[in-house]
């Protein structure tokens, strides 16, 4: 294991569940250990009331995490849930890291991420973990030339 276990909340749109699993596997394959508190198809919630989902489920999971990771794909910026999650993480003083899905670097990012990101990185395990750990700090927009896209 390269570093200690990190508790994260990976904000994403449900259409990106497979990409979320890919990010977890990318980190695991490269010796990084994370515990993800996000909700996805492997651990769905049956809740339907938005107020309960935000205050009763998401708030607790975001509070538990040390870092909010936002998975950026072509439609992430359209999600009011992702916006709420980022805003809540910022109010909690969480570190906020954006991670571009492969091939999505030209996608729009959520406005809250644009405002509050501590770092935005490409799809490389060590860069993602460096951003989570705080050794990469830069706001969006990032110099994409620095990454191996």
N, C-alpha and C. Protein backbone atom coordinates (compact mmCIF):
# COMPACT_ATOMS: atom_id res chain seq x y z
N UNK A 1 0.84 -1.18 0.00
CA UNK A 1 0.00 0.00 0.00
C UNK A 1 0.89 1.24 0.00
N UNK A 2 0.62 2.19 -0.92
CA UNK A 2 1.45 3.38 -1.04
C UNK A 2 1.20 4.40 0.05
N UNK A 3 -0.03 4.55 0.47
CA UNK A 3 -0.35 5.52 1.50
C UNK A 3 -1.44 4.99 2.40
N UNK A 4 -1.74 5.74 3.44
CA UNK A 4 -2.77 5.27 4.35
C UNK A 4 -4.14 5.33 3.70
N UNK A 5 -5.08 4.61 4.26
CA UNK A 5 -6.43 4.59 3.75
C UNK A 5 -7.06 5.98 3.88
N UNK A 6 -7.73 6.41 2.83
CA UNK A 6 -8.41 7.70 2.81
C UNK A 6 -9.91 7.47 2.70
N UNK A 7 -10.67 8.23 3.49
CA UNK A 7 -12.13 8.23 3.38
C UNK A 7 -12.51 9.34 2.42
N UNK A 8 -13.17 8.97 1.33
CA UNK A 8 -13.58 9.95 0.33
C UNK A 8 -15.06 9.76 0.01
N UNK A 9 -15.63 10.81 -0.53
CA UNK A 9 -16.97 10.74 -1.10
C UNK A 9 -16.79 11.10 -2.56
N UNK A 10 -17.13 10.19 -3.48
CA UNK A 10 -16.96 10.44 -4.90
C UNK A 10 -18.31 10.86 -5.47
N UNK A 11 -18.41 12.15 -5.75
CA UNK A 11 -19.62 12.71 -6.33
C UNK A 11 -19.63 12.40 -7.82
N UNK A 12 -20.75 11.90 -8.31
CA UNK A 12 -20.86 11.51 -9.71
C UNK A 12 -22.33 11.45 -10.10
N UNK A 13 -22.58 11.39 -11.38
CA UNK A 13 -23.95 11.17 -11.83
C UNK A 13 -24.16 9.66 -11.95
N UNK A 14 -25.37 9.21 -11.76
CA UNK A 14 -25.63 7.77 -11.75
C UNK A 14 -25.27 7.10 -13.07
N UNK A 15 -25.38 7.84 -14.16
CA UNK A 15 -25.00 7.27 -15.46
C UNK A 15 -23.52 6.90 -15.51
N UNK A 16 -22.74 7.43 -14.58
CA UNK A 16 -21.30 7.17 -14.54
C UNK A 16 -20.91 6.12 -13.50
N UNK A 17 -21.85 5.30 -13.07
CA UNK A 17 -21.52 4.25 -12.09
C UNK A 17 -20.36 3.37 -12.56
N UNK A 18 -20.35 2.98 -13.82
CA UNK A 18 -19.26 2.13 -14.33
C UNK A 18 -17.93 2.86 -14.28
N UNK A 19 -17.95 4.16 -14.56
CA UNK A 19 -16.73 4.97 -14.50
C UNK A 19 -16.26 5.08 -13.05
N UNK A 20 -17.20 5.24 -12.13
CA UNK A 20 -16.88 5.28 -10.70
C UNK A 20 -16.16 4.01 -10.28
N UNK A 21 -16.69 2.87 -10.69
CA UNK A 21 -16.04 1.60 -10.37
C UNK A 21 -14.65 1.53 -11.01
N UNK A 22 -14.52 2.07 -12.22
CA UNK A 22 -13.22 2.11 -12.88
C UNK A 22 -12.21 2.95 -12.13
N UNK A 23 -12.65 4.08 -11.56
CA UNK A 23 -11.75 4.92 -10.78
C UNK A 23 -11.30 4.20 -9.51
N UNK A 24 -12.23 3.55 -8.84
CA UNK A 24 -11.86 2.78 -7.64
C UNK A 24 -10.84 1.70 -7.99
N UNK A 25 -11.07 0.99 -9.09
CA UNK A 25 -10.16 -0.08 -9.51
C UNK A 25 -8.80 0.47 -9.93
N UNK A 26 -8.78 1.60 -10.63
CA UNK A 26 -7.52 2.25 -11.01
C UNK A 26 -6.68 2.53 -9.77
N UNK A 27 -7.29 3.09 -8.75
CA UNK A 27 -6.55 3.41 -7.52
C UNK A 27 -6.08 2.14 -6.82
N UNK A 28 -6.96 1.16 -6.73
CA UNK A 28 -6.62 -0.11 -6.07
C UNK A 28 -5.46 -0.82 -6.78
N UNK A 29 -5.54 -0.90 -8.11
CA UNK A 29 -4.47 -1.56 -8.90
C UNK A 29 -3.11 -0.90 -8.70
N UNK A 30 -3.13 0.38 -8.39
CA UNK A 30 -1.88 1.12 -8.21
C UNK A 30 -1.50 1.27 -6.75
N UNK A 31 -2.09 0.46 -5.88
CA UNK A 31 -1.68 0.40 -4.49
C UNK A 31 -2.25 1.46 -3.57
N UNK A 32 -3.30 2.14 -4.02
CA UNK A 32 -3.92 3.19 -3.20
C UNK A 32 -5.19 2.64 -2.56
N UNK A 33 -5.38 2.96 -1.30
CA UNK A 33 -6.50 2.43 -0.54
C UNK A 33 -7.47 3.56 -0.19
N UNK A 34 -8.69 3.49 -0.74
CA UNK A 34 -9.71 4.47 -0.38
C UNK A 34 -10.95 3.74 0.09
N UNK A 35 -11.70 4.41 0.95
CA UNK A 35 -13.04 3.98 1.32
C UNK A 35 -13.97 5.06 0.79
N UNK A 36 -14.89 4.67 -0.07
CA UNK A 36 -15.78 5.61 -0.74
C UNK A 36 -17.17 5.56 -0.11
N UNK A 37 -17.64 6.70 0.35
CA UNK A 37 -18.96 6.78 0.97
C UNK A 37 -20.08 7.16 0.03
N UNK A 38 -19.80 7.22 -1.27
CA UNK A 38 -20.85 7.63 -2.21
C UNK A 38 -21.89 6.53 -2.40
N UNK A 39 -23.00 6.92 -2.99
CA UNK A 39 -24.09 5.98 -3.28
C UNK A 39 -24.03 5.63 -4.75
N UNK A 40 -24.03 4.34 -5.05
CA UNK A 40 -24.02 3.89 -6.44
C UNK A 40 -24.85 2.63 -6.55
N UNK A 41 -24.81 2.00 -7.71
CA UNK A 41 -25.65 0.82 -7.94
C UNK A 41 -25.26 -0.36 -7.06
N UNK A 42 -24.03 -0.37 -6.52
CA UNK A 42 -23.63 -1.47 -5.65
C UNK A 42 -24.15 -1.30 -4.22
N UNK A 43 -24.51 -0.09 -3.86
CA UNK A 43 -25.09 0.19 -2.55
C UNK A 43 -26.14 1.30 -2.69
N UNK A 44 -27.25 0.98 -3.37
CA UNK A 44 -28.27 1.99 -3.66
C UNK A 44 -29.06 2.38 -2.42
N UNK A 45 -29.71 3.53 -2.52
CA UNK A 45 -30.60 4.00 -1.48
C UNK A 45 -32.03 3.92 -2.00
N UNK A 46 -32.95 3.50 -1.16
CA UNK A 46 -34.36 3.42 -1.54
C UNK A 46 -35.10 4.72 -1.25
N UNK A 47 -34.41 5.69 -0.67
CA UNK A 47 -35.04 6.96 -0.32
C UNK A 47 -35.50 7.70 -1.58
N UNK A 48 -36.60 8.43 -1.45
CA UNK A 48 -37.15 9.16 -2.59
C UNK A 48 -37.36 10.64 -2.31
N UNK A 49 -37.42 11.03 -1.06
CA UNK A 49 -37.64 12.44 -0.72
C UNK A 49 -36.32 13.20 -0.76
N UNK A 50 -36.21 14.21 -1.62
CA UNK A 50 -34.95 14.96 -1.75
C UNK A 50 -34.42 15.51 -0.43
N UNK A 51 -35.29 16.04 0.42
CA UNK A 51 -34.83 16.60 1.70
C UNK A 51 -34.18 15.53 2.57
N UNK A 52 -34.77 14.35 2.59
CA UNK A 52 -34.19 13.26 3.37
C UNK A 52 -32.89 12.78 2.74
N UNK A 53 -32.86 12.68 1.43
CA UNK A 53 -31.64 12.23 0.74
C UNK A 53 -30.48 13.17 1.07
N UNK A 54 -30.72 14.49 0.99
CA UNK A 54 -29.62 15.42 1.27
C UNK A 54 -29.25 15.45 2.76
N UNK A 55 -30.23 15.64 3.63
CA UNK A 55 -29.91 15.79 5.05
C UNK A 55 -29.69 14.47 5.77
N UNK A 56 -30.41 13.43 5.39
CA UNK A 56 -30.34 12.17 6.10
C UNK A 56 -29.31 11.19 5.57
N UNK A 57 -28.94 11.31 4.31
CA UNK A 57 -28.01 10.35 3.72
C UNK A 57 -26.72 11.01 3.26
N UNK A 58 -26.84 11.92 2.31
CA UNK A 58 -25.63 12.52 1.71
C UNK A 58 -24.81 13.34 2.71
N UNK A 59 -25.47 14.14 3.52
CA UNK A 59 -24.75 14.99 4.47
C UNK A 59 -23.85 14.16 5.39
N UNK A 60 -24.37 13.07 5.91
CA UNK A 60 -23.58 12.22 6.82
C UNK A 60 -22.40 11.59 6.10
N UNK A 61 -22.60 11.15 4.88
CA UNK A 61 -21.52 10.50 4.12
C UNK A 61 -20.43 11.50 3.73
N UNK A 62 -20.84 12.71 3.38
CA UNK A 62 -19.86 13.74 3.04
C UNK A 62 -19.10 14.17 4.29
N UNK A 63 -19.80 14.31 5.41
CA UNK A 63 -19.15 14.68 6.67
C UNK A 63 -18.12 13.65 7.10
N UNK A 64 -18.41 12.38 6.87
CA UNK A 64 -17.50 11.28 7.22
C UNK A 64 -16.21 11.33 6.43
N UNK A 65 -16.29 11.78 5.18
CA UNK A 65 -15.13 11.77 4.29
C UNK A 65 -14.19 12.94 4.58
N UNK A 66 -12.92 12.72 4.32
CA UNK A 66 -11.96 13.82 4.45
C UNK A 66 -11.89 14.63 3.16
N UNK A 67 -12.25 14.01 2.04
CA UNK A 67 -12.13 14.66 0.74
C UNK A 67 -13.35 14.34 -0.13
N UNK A 68 -13.80 15.36 -0.84
CA UNK A 68 -14.85 15.20 -1.86
C UNK A 68 -14.13 15.07 -3.20
N UNK A 69 -14.34 13.96 -3.88
CA UNK A 69 -13.81 13.76 -5.23
C UNK A 69 -14.98 13.88 -6.19
N UNK A 70 -14.83 14.70 -7.20
CA UNK A 70 -15.90 14.88 -8.19
C UNK A 70 -15.45 14.26 -9.50
N UNK A 71 -16.17 13.25 -9.93
CA UNK A 71 -15.89 12.59 -11.20
C UNK A 71 -16.51 13.42 -12.32
N UNK A 72 -15.66 13.96 -13.20
CA UNK A 72 -16.12 14.88 -14.24
C UNK A 72 -16.27 14.14 -15.56
N UNK A 73 -17.51 14.07 -16.03
CA UNK A 73 -17.80 13.51 -17.34
C UNK A 73 -18.59 14.56 -18.12
N UNK A 74 -19.04 14.20 -19.31
CA UNK A 74 -19.69 15.19 -20.18
C UNK A 74 -20.99 15.76 -19.63
N UNK A 75 -21.67 15.06 -18.73
CA UNK A 75 -22.95 15.54 -18.22
C UNK A 75 -22.94 15.88 -16.73
N UNK A 76 -21.80 15.77 -16.09
CA UNK A 76 -21.73 16.03 -14.65
C UNK A 76 -22.22 17.44 -14.31
N UNK A 77 -21.87 18.41 -15.13
CA UNK A 77 -22.23 19.80 -14.85
C UNK A 77 -23.75 20.04 -14.86
N UNK A 78 -24.53 19.11 -15.37
CA UNK A 78 -25.98 19.25 -15.44
C UNK A 78 -26.69 18.76 -14.17
N UNK A 79 -25.97 18.15 -13.26
CA UNK A 79 -26.60 17.52 -12.10
C UNK A 79 -26.74 18.46 -10.91
N UNK A 80 -27.98 18.72 -10.48
CA UNK A 80 -28.17 19.52 -9.26
C UNK A 80 -27.69 18.78 -8.02
N UNK A 81 -27.69 17.44 -8.05
CA UNK A 81 -27.20 16.65 -6.91
C UNK A 81 -25.70 16.87 -6.73
N UNK A 82 -24.95 16.81 -7.81
CA UNK A 82 -23.50 17.03 -7.74
C UNK A 82 -23.22 18.44 -7.22
N UNK A 83 -23.94 19.42 -7.74
CA UNK A 83 -23.77 20.80 -7.26
C UNK A 83 -24.00 20.88 -5.75
N UNK A 84 -25.11 20.26 -5.28
CA UNK A 84 -25.41 20.30 -3.85
C UNK A 84 -24.29 19.64 -3.04
N UNK A 85 -23.82 18.49 -3.51
CA UNK A 85 -22.77 17.77 -2.80
C UNK A 85 -21.49 18.61 -2.68
N UNK A 86 -21.11 19.27 -3.75
CA UNK A 86 -19.90 20.11 -3.71
C UNK A 86 -20.11 21.28 -2.76
N UNK A 87 -21.25 21.94 -2.86
CA UNK A 87 -21.54 23.08 -1.97
C UNK A 87 -21.51 22.63 -0.50
N UNK A 88 -22.10 21.48 -0.21
CA UNK A 88 -22.12 20.98 1.15
C UNK A 88 -20.70 20.66 1.63
N UNK A 89 -19.92 20.03 0.79
CA UNK A 89 -18.53 19.70 1.15
C UNK A 89 -17.74 20.97 1.44
N UNK A 90 -17.95 22.00 0.64
CA UNK A 90 -17.24 23.26 0.84
C UNK A 90 -17.63 23.86 2.19
N UNK A 91 -18.92 23.85 2.53
CA UNK A 91 -19.38 24.39 3.82
C UNK A 91 -18.79 23.60 4.99
N UNK A 92 -18.50 22.32 4.76
CA UNK A 92 -17.91 21.46 5.79
C UNK A 92 -16.39 21.61 5.86
N UNK A 93 -15.82 22.40 4.98
CA UNK A 93 -14.37 22.60 4.96
C UNK A 93 -13.60 21.42 4.38
N UNK A 94 -14.25 20.62 3.55
CA UNK A 94 -13.61 19.45 2.95
C UNK A 94 -12.70 19.86 1.79
N UNK A 95 -11.69 19.08 1.56
CA UNK A 95 -10.86 19.23 0.37
C UNK A 95 -11.72 18.77 -0.81
N UNK A 96 -11.65 19.49 -1.92
CA UNK A 96 -12.48 19.18 -3.09
C UNK A 96 -11.58 18.99 -4.30
N UNK A 97 -11.67 17.79 -4.88
CA UNK A 97 -10.80 17.40 -5.99
C UNK A 97 -11.65 16.94 -7.17
N UNK A 98 -11.40 17.50 -8.34
CA UNK A 98 -12.05 17.04 -9.55
C UNK A 98 -11.16 16.05 -10.27
N UNK A 99 -11.76 15.01 -10.85
CA UNK A 99 -11.02 14.02 -11.63
C UNK A 99 -11.73 13.88 -12.98
N UNK A 100 -11.01 14.18 -14.06
CA UNK A 100 -11.56 14.04 -15.40
C UNK A 100 -11.71 12.57 -15.75
N UNK A 101 -12.88 12.19 -16.22
CA UNK A 101 -13.07 10.88 -16.82
C UNK A 101 -12.20 10.83 -18.08
N UNK A 102 -11.77 9.66 -18.46
CA UNK A 102 -10.97 9.51 -19.67
C UNK A 102 -11.75 10.06 -20.86
N UNK A 103 -11.10 10.94 -21.62
CA UNK A 103 -11.72 11.52 -22.80
C UNK A 103 -12.69 12.65 -22.51
N UNK A 104 -12.80 13.09 -21.27
CA UNK A 104 -13.79 14.12 -20.91
C UNK A 104 -13.17 15.48 -20.60
N UNK A 105 -11.89 15.67 -20.88
CA UNK A 105 -11.21 16.90 -20.46
C UNK A 105 -11.78 18.16 -21.08
N UNK A 106 -12.54 18.06 -22.16
CA UNK A 106 -13.16 19.23 -22.77
C UNK A 106 -14.59 19.46 -22.28
N UNK A 107 -15.04 18.65 -21.34
CA UNK A 107 -16.40 18.78 -20.81
C UNK A 107 -16.48 19.97 -19.87
N UNK A 108 -17.68 20.53 -19.77
CA UNK A 108 -17.92 21.58 -18.79
C UNK A 108 -17.86 20.96 -17.40
N UNK A 109 -17.40 21.75 -16.44
CA UNK A 109 -17.37 21.24 -15.07
C UNK A 109 -18.51 21.90 -14.28
N UNK A 110 -18.95 21.28 -13.20
CA UNK A 110 -19.99 21.89 -12.38
C UNK A 110 -19.54 23.27 -11.87
N UNK A 111 -20.46 24.21 -11.82
CA UNK A 111 -20.08 25.57 -11.41
C UNK A 111 -19.51 25.60 -9.99
N UNK A 112 -20.02 24.78 -9.09
CA UNK A 112 -19.48 24.75 -7.72
C UNK A 112 -18.06 24.21 -7.71
N UNK A 113 -17.75 23.27 -8.59
CA UNK A 113 -16.38 22.76 -8.67
C UNK A 113 -15.45 23.84 -9.20
N UNK A 114 -15.91 24.58 -10.20
CA UNK A 114 -15.14 25.69 -10.74
C UNK A 114 -14.81 26.70 -9.64
N UNK A 115 -15.74 26.89 -8.74
CA UNK A 115 -15.60 27.87 -7.66
C UNK A 115 -14.75 27.36 -6.49
N UNK A 116 -14.86 26.08 -6.14
CA UNK A 116 -14.28 25.58 -4.89
C UNK A 116 -13.19 24.52 -5.02
N UNK A 117 -12.85 24.10 -6.22
CA UNK A 117 -11.86 23.01 -6.38
C UNK A 117 -10.51 23.39 -5.79
N UNK A 118 -9.95 22.45 -5.03
CA UNK A 118 -8.57 22.59 -4.56
C UNK A 118 -7.62 22.08 -5.63
N UNK A 119 -8.09 21.12 -6.43
CA UNK A 119 -7.27 20.55 -7.52
C UNK A 119 -8.20 19.87 -8.51
N UNK A 120 -7.79 19.87 -9.77
CA UNK A 120 -8.47 19.13 -10.83
C UNK A 120 -7.38 18.38 -11.58
N UNK A 121 -7.52 17.06 -11.65
CA UNK A 121 -6.47 16.23 -12.25
C UNK A 121 -7.03 15.27 -13.27
N UNK A 122 -6.13 14.72 -14.07
CA UNK A 122 -6.50 13.72 -15.07
C UNK A 122 -6.60 12.34 -14.47
N UNK A 123 -6.84 11.37 -15.31
CA UNK A 123 -7.13 9.99 -14.95
C UNK A 123 -5.84 9.20 -14.74
N UNK A 124 -5.04 9.58 -13.76
CA UNK A 124 -3.83 8.86 -13.39
C UNK A 124 -3.87 8.63 -11.88
N UNK A 125 -3.68 7.40 -11.46
CA UNK A 125 -3.85 7.04 -10.05
C UNK A 125 -2.99 7.88 -9.12
N UNK A 126 -1.72 8.03 -9.43
CA UNK A 126 -0.85 8.79 -8.52
C UNK A 126 -1.24 10.26 -8.46
N UNK A 127 -1.67 10.84 -9.57
CA UNK A 127 -2.11 12.24 -9.59
C UNK A 127 -3.39 12.39 -8.77
N UNK A 128 -4.30 11.45 -8.90
CA UNK A 128 -5.54 11.51 -8.13
C UNK A 128 -5.21 11.45 -6.64
N UNK A 129 -4.37 10.51 -6.23
CA UNK A 129 -4.03 10.40 -4.82
C UNK A 129 -3.23 11.59 -4.33
N UNK A 130 -2.34 12.13 -5.15
CA UNK A 130 -1.62 13.34 -4.75
C UNK A 130 -2.58 14.50 -4.53
N UNK A 131 -3.61 14.60 -5.36
CA UNK A 131 -4.61 15.65 -5.17
C UNK A 131 -5.42 15.40 -3.90
N UNK A 132 -5.82 14.16 -3.67
CA UNK A 132 -6.56 13.82 -2.45
C UNK A 132 -5.71 14.13 -1.21
N UNK A 133 -4.44 13.78 -1.26
CA UNK A 133 -3.55 13.98 -0.11
C UNK A 133 -3.10 15.42 0.07
N UNK A 134 -3.35 16.27 -0.93
CA UNK A 134 -3.01 17.69 -0.79
C UNK A 134 -1.66 18.09 -1.35
N UNK A 135 -0.95 17.19 -2.01
CA UNK A 135 0.33 17.58 -2.58
C UNK A 135 0.20 18.16 -3.98
N UNK A 136 -1.00 18.13 -4.55
CA UNK A 136 -1.31 18.87 -5.78
C UNK A 136 -2.40 19.85 -5.41
N UNK A 137 -2.14 21.10 -5.68
CA UNK A 137 -3.11 22.16 -5.42
C UNK A 137 -3.12 23.11 -6.59
N UNK A 138 -4.21 23.20 -7.26
CA UNK A 138 -4.40 24.19 -8.31
C UNK A 138 -5.87 24.27 -8.64
N UNK A 139 -6.28 25.43 -9.03
CA UNK A 139 -7.68 25.63 -9.36
C UNK A 139 -7.92 25.37 -10.84
N UNK A 140 -9.16 25.17 -11.17
CA UNK A 140 -9.58 25.03 -12.56
C UNK A 140 -9.55 26.43 -13.17
N UNK A 141 -9.25 26.64 -14.43
CA UNK A 141 -8.85 25.59 -15.36
C UNK A 141 -7.39 25.21 -15.17
N UNK A 142 -7.11 24.00 -15.40
CA UNK A 142 -5.75 23.50 -15.23
C UNK A 142 -5.01 23.51 -16.55
N UNK A 143 -3.71 23.45 -16.47
CA UNK A 143 -2.88 23.35 -17.67
C UNK A 143 -2.90 21.90 -18.12
N UNK A 144 -3.73 21.58 -19.09
CA UNK A 144 -3.87 20.20 -19.51
C UNK A 144 -2.62 19.68 -20.21
N UNK A 145 -1.71 20.54 -20.59
CA UNK A 145 -0.47 20.09 -21.21
C UNK A 145 0.41 19.33 -20.21
N UNK A 146 0.15 19.55 -18.93
CA UNK A 146 0.97 18.90 -17.90
C UNK A 146 0.58 17.43 -17.70
N UNK A 147 -0.51 17.01 -18.33
CA UNK A 147 -0.99 15.66 -18.12
C UNK A 147 -0.82 14.80 -19.33
N UNK A 148 -0.71 13.54 -19.11
CA UNK A 148 -0.58 12.57 -20.19
C UNK A 148 -1.98 12.09 -20.59
N UNK A 149 -2.68 12.86 -21.41
CA UNK A 149 -4.03 12.52 -21.82
C UNK A 149 -3.95 11.46 -22.84
